[in-house]
Amino acid sequence: MGRDGSMIEREIESEYMNETFTLSIYRPENYSPLYKYHLCIVQDGDDYYQLGRLARVSDNLHAEGKIENTIFCGIHYQDRDDRWHKYHPDSDMQENYMKFLRFEVVPVLDKELPSYHVKSCRVLMGDSLGGTVSLMTALKYPNTFGKVIMQSPYTDERIEQLVKDSDEIDTMSIYHTIGLDEEEVETTYGDIEDFLNPNRKLNQLLEGCVSDYLYKELKGNHTWKQWQKDLPNAIEYIFGK
């Protein structure tokens, strides 16, 4: 089955990361430079397109008139180790990756695409560590990114403190899920960690300071089977008309 929308690719030579990135940009069927679009920057980009079926989700929600005009920009990683170093708060590369999103990706997309150029129309999305770095980037640059979709994010006391210290988080929109079977998750380097209960703590904190916030505990574990099934709900919540 073919796509309704269209995929284009753009390359960025990142000074912050000393790496060439490919942006995979999916535009809806009605795309025209005469229209304005919301923008979703997606960590784990290839995973969302291939395992999450993001292009098909976009096609369906646009065709059904359930979401505003939205363009998705996927950014992928090289391998599991590279992913950890870009996304994990313990890594010394994560800070530069967040700068890459803010100061290199956003200007390219603002120049390339007819987007609104305001924080309320820029969204960061990711699963697991991709959700973590999405939230942390939005907290670091709240005047640039106003919305976050995070599916089963890794979280700890440092991230809770970032939420507590934020003066802008009350203005954000956040969609947040975790699986009920995520108490024993195998992480990148083989450790077993509890994701469920730290996410419950983060939920309690976010509920108290984010007015536009939806949290769900879903059936399933730390896999794409759970995330793909819920992805249409996440996108409709954040981009819904």
Protein backbone atom coordinates (compact mmCIF):
# COMPACT_ATOMS: atom_id res chain seq x y z
CA MET A 1 0.00 0.00 0.00
CA GLY A 2 1.44 3.35 -1.05
CA ARG A 3 1.70 6.45 1.05
CA ASP A 4 -0.63 9.42 0.74
CA GLY A 5 2.04 11.85 1.88
CA SER A 6 5.59 12.33 0.63
CA MET A 7 9.01 11.72 2.18
CA ILE A 8 11.99 13.96 1.55
CA GLU A 9 15.46 13.87 3.10
CA ARG A 10 17.79 16.65 4.13
CA GLU A 11 21.31 16.42 5.52
CA ILE A 12 22.79 18.47 8.34
CA GLU A 13 26.51 18.74 9.01
CA SER A 14 26.37 19.12 12.78
CA GLU A 15 29.13 21.14 14.42
CA TYR A 16 27.85 20.22 17.87
CA MET A 17 27.95 16.47 17.17
CA ASN A 18 30.72 16.38 14.54
CA GLU A 19 28.47 14.15 12.45
CA THR A 20 26.31 14.25 9.34
CA PHE A 21 22.64 13.62 10.13
CA THR A 22 19.88 12.74 7.69
CA LEU A 23 16.47 14.26 8.44
CA SER A 24 13.60 12.12 7.13
CA ILE A 25 10.74 14.56 6.62
CA TYR A 26 7.21 13.25 6.03
CA ARG A 27 4.75 15.74 4.59
CA PRO A 28 0.98 15.09 4.43
CA GLU A 29 -0.90 14.62 1.17
CA ASN A 30 -2.21 18.18 1.17
CA TYR A 31 1.29 19.65 1.51
CA SER A 32 1.71 23.07 -0.06
CA PRO A 33 4.10 25.93 0.72
CA LEU A 34 0.97 28.09 0.80
CA TYR A 35 -0.21 26.39 4.02
CA LYS A 36 1.23 26.48 7.54
CA TYR A 37 2.13 23.29 9.42
CA HIS A 38 2.73 22.01 12.91
CA LEU A 39 6.08 20.28 13.29
CA CYS A 40 7.02 17.10 15.17
CA ILE A 41 10.72 16.28 15.60
CA VAL A 42 11.03 12.55 16.22
CA GLN A 43 13.90 10.78 18.01
CA ASP A 44 14.42 7.15 16.90
CA GLY A 45 13.15 8.33 13.53
CA ASP A 46 13.58 5.13 11.51
CA ASP A 47 12.00 3.09 14.32
CA TYR A 48 8.95 5.34 14.34
CA TYR A 49 8.58 5.13 10.56
CA GLN A 50 9.21 1.37 10.32
CA LEU A 51 8.02 -0.11 13.62
CA GLY A 52 5.60 2.63 14.65
CA ARG A 53 4.15 3.01 11.12
CA LEU A 54 4.27 6.74 11.60
CA ALA A 55 3.68 7.64 7.94
CA ARG A 56 0.51 5.52 7.82
CA VAL A 57 -0.68 6.98 11.13
CA SER A 58 -0.15 10.46 9.72
CA ASP A 59 -1.99 9.56 6.48
CA ASN A 60 -4.97 8.17 8.37
CA LEU A 61 -5.33 10.98 10.89
CA HIS A 62 -5.01 13.66 8.20
CA ALA A 63 -7.50 11.87 5.92
CA GLU A 64 -9.99 11.59 8.77
CA GLY A 65 -9.57 15.28 9.62
CA LYS A 66 -8.57 14.49 13.18
CA ILE A 67 -5.34 16.50 13.35
CA GLU A 68 -4.02 19.85 12.22
CA ASN A 69 -1.67 19.97 9.23
CA THR A 70 1.48 18.34 10.61
CA ILE A 71 4.93 17.47 9.27
CA PHE A 72 7.07 14.81 10.95
CA CYS A 73 10.86 14.97 10.97
CA GLY A 74 12.62 11.74 11.96
CA ILE A 75 16.21 11.74 13.25
CA HIS A 76 17.82 8.32 13.65
CA TYR A 77 20.81 6.90 15.51
CA GLN A 78 23.70 4.77 14.24
CA ASP A 79 23.45 1.85 16.70
CA ARG A 80 22.41 1.08 20.29
CA ASP A 81 25.61 2.47 21.76
CA ASP A 82 25.35 5.66 19.71
CA ARG A 83 21.71 6.02 20.78
CA TRP A 84 22.65 5.80 24.48
CA HIS A 85 25.33 8.45 24.11
CA LYS A 86 22.97 10.87 22.35
CA TYR A 87 19.91 10.38 24.55
CA HIS A 88 20.93 9.29 28.06
CA PRO A 89 21.40 11.96 30.76
CA ASP A 90 24.53 10.14 31.99
CA SER A 91 26.25 10.69 28.65
CA ASP A 92 28.59 13.61 28.03
CA MET A 93 27.18 13.84 24.48
CA GLN A 94 23.56 14.46 25.42
CA GLU A 95 24.05 18.17 26.09
CA ASN A 96 25.43 18.67 22.57
CA TYR A 97 22.63 16.59 21.09
CA MET A 98 20.08 18.89 22.70
CA LYS A 99 21.93 21.89 21.28
CA PHE A 100 21.92 20.16 17.88
CA LEU A 101 18.12 19.90 18.05
CA ARG A 102 17.68 23.52 19.06
CA PHE A 103 20.34 25.36 17.10
CA GLU A 104 20.84 23.21 14.01
CA VAL A 105 17.69 21.17 13.33
CA VAL A 106 15.11 23.87 14.09
CA PRO A 107 16.70 26.57 11.87
CA VAL A 108 16.94 24.15 8.95
CA LEU A 109 13.31 23.10 9.29
CA ASP A 110 12.10 26.67 9.78
CA LYS A 111 13.88 27.64 6.57
CA GLU A 112 12.84 24.54 4.61
CA LEU A 113 9.20 24.17 5.69
CA PRO A 114 6.20 26.49 6.01
CA SER A 115 5.76 25.95 9.73
CA TYR A 116 4.38 28.36 12.32
CA HIS A 117 7.79 29.11 13.94
CA VAL A 118 6.26 29.22 17.44
CA LYS A 119 6.80 26.90 20.38
CA SER A 120 3.16 25.82 20.62
CA CYS A 121 3.47 24.27 17.16
CA ARG A 122 6.81 22.49 17.74
CA VAL A 123 6.71 19.03 19.30
CA LEU A 124 9.43 16.63 20.40
CA MET A 125 8.59 12.91 20.39
CA GLY A 126 10.40 9.74 21.41
CA ASP A 127 10.20 6.32 23.05
CA SER A 128 12.26 5.18 26.05
CA LEU A 129 15.48 7.27 26.09
CA GLY A 130 14.13 9.15 23.07
CA GLY A 131 11.27 10.31 25.28
CA THR A 132 13.73 11.27 27.99
CA VAL A 133 15.84 13.50 25.76
CA SER A 134 12.68 14.99 24.25
CA LEU A 135 11.40 16.11 27.65
CA MET A 136 14.81 17.35 28.76
CA THR A 137 15.29 19.36 25.56
CA ALA A 138 11.85 20.97 25.93
CA LEU A 139 12.68 21.88 29.54
CA LYS A 140 16.02 23.34 28.48
CA TYR A 141 14.57 25.33 25.56
CA PRO A 142 10.95 26.06 26.54
CA ASN A 143 10.70 29.06 24.23
CA THR A 144 11.40 26.79 21.25
CA PHE A 145 9.53 23.57 22.07
CA GLY A 146 6.09 23.67 23.65
CA LYS A 147 4.87 20.07 23.43
CA VAL A 148 6.24 16.59 24.17
CA ILE A 149 5.17 13.03 23.40
CA MET A 150 7.08 10.51 25.52
CA GLN A 151 6.34 6.79 25.41
CA SER A 152 7.86 4.79 28.28
CA PRO A 153 10.63 7.32 29.03
CA TYR A 154 13.57 6.58 31.27
CA THR A 155 13.32 8.87 34.29
CA ASP A 156 15.13 9.42 37.56
CA GLU A 157 15.55 12.03 40.32
CA ARG A 158 17.57 14.33 38.05
CA ILE A 159 14.72 14.59 35.59
CA GLU A 160 12.24 15.15 38.40
CA GLN A 161 14.44 18.02 39.60
CA LEU A 162 14.49 19.55 36.10
CA VAL A 163 10.70 19.54 36.13
CA LYS A 164 10.63 21.16 39.57
CA ASP A 165 13.10 23.83 38.50
CA SER A 166 11.28 24.76 35.28
CA ASP A 167 9.49 28.10 35.18
CA GLU A 168 7.77 27.29 31.87
CA ILE A 169 6.50 23.74 32.22
CA ASP A 170 3.01 24.89 33.12
CA THR A 171 2.66 26.26 29.57
CA MET A 172 3.58 22.95 27.89
CA SER A 173 1.43 20.12 26.53
CA ILE A 174 2.65 16.62 27.42
CA TYR A 175 1.46 13.13 26.45
CA HIS A 176 3.03 10.47 28.68
CA THR A 177 2.62 6.69 28.71
CA ILE A 178 4.14 3.70 30.49
CA GLY A 179 3.41 -0.03 30.29
CA LEU A 180 2.12 -1.99 33.26
CA ASP A 181 4.71 -4.70 32.57
CA GLU A 182 7.70 -2.35 32.66
CA GLU A 183 8.97 -3.07 36.15
CA GLU A 184 11.88 -5.13 34.77
CA VAL A 185 13.25 -3.55 31.58
CA GLU A 186 16.56 -4.66 30.04
CA THR A 187 18.50 -1.51 29.21
CA THR A 188 21.14 -0.85 26.54
CA TYR A 189 24.01 -2.48 28.41
CA GLY A 190 22.06 -5.38 29.92
CA ASP A 191 21.03 -3.91 33.28
CA ILE A 192 17.49 -4.53 34.52
CA GLU A 193 15.65 -1.39 35.65
CA ASP A 194 12.20 -0.50 36.90
CA PHE A 195 10.54 1.95 34.51
CA LEU A 196 6.98 1.73 35.82
CA ASN A 197 7.33 3.15 39.33
CA PRO A 198 9.70 6.04 38.42
CA ASN A 199 7.20 7.01 35.71
CA ARG A 200 4.43 6.96 38.29
CA LYS A 201 6.48 9.38 40.40
CA LEU A 202 7.06 11.60 37.37
CA ASN A 203 3.33 11.47 36.63
CA GLN A 204 2.47 12.72 40.11
CA LEU A 205 4.90 15.58 39.67
CA LEU A 206 3.71 16.55 36.18
CA GLU A 207 0.05 16.40 37.17
CA GLY A 208 0.73 19.12 39.68
CA CYS A 209 2.40 21.56 37.31
CA VAL A 210 1.26 20.90 33.70
CA SER A 211 -2.26 22.00 32.82
CA ASP A 212 -2.38 20.21 29.45
CA TYR A 213 -1.16 16.76 30.42
CA LEU A 214 -2.36 13.23 29.67
CA TYR A 215 -0.88 10.18 31.38
CA LYS A 216 -1.75 6.56 30.59
CA GLU A 217 -0.72 3.21 31.98
CA LEU A 218 -1.08 0.73 29.15
CA LYS A 219 -1.13 -3.04 28.89
CA GLY A 220 2.23 -4.22 27.67
CA ASN A 221 5.97 -4.05 28.14
CA HIS A 222 8.87 -1.99 26.83
CA THR A 223 8.35 -2.78 23.14
CA TRP A 224 7.03 -1.33 19.91
CA LYS A 225 3.94 -3.52 20.15
CA GLN A 226 2.71 -1.21 22.90
CA TRP A 227 4.02 2.05 21.44
CA GLN A 228 2.73 1.49 17.91
CA LYS A 229 -0.76 0.64 19.13
CA ASP A 230 -0.98 3.87 21.13
CA LEU A 231 0.79 6.15 18.64
CA PRO A 232 -2.40 7.35 16.89
CA ASN A 233 -3.81 8.36 20.28
CA ALA A 234 -0.66 10.27 21.16
CA ILE A 235 -0.58 12.18 17.89
CA GLU A 236 -4.29 12.96 17.96
CA TYR A 237 -4.02 14.28 21.52
CA ILE A 238 -1.14 16.63 20.73
CA PHE A 239 -2.16 17.69 17.22
CA GLY A 240 -5.94 17.22 17.40
CA LYS A 241 -8.28 19.84 16.03
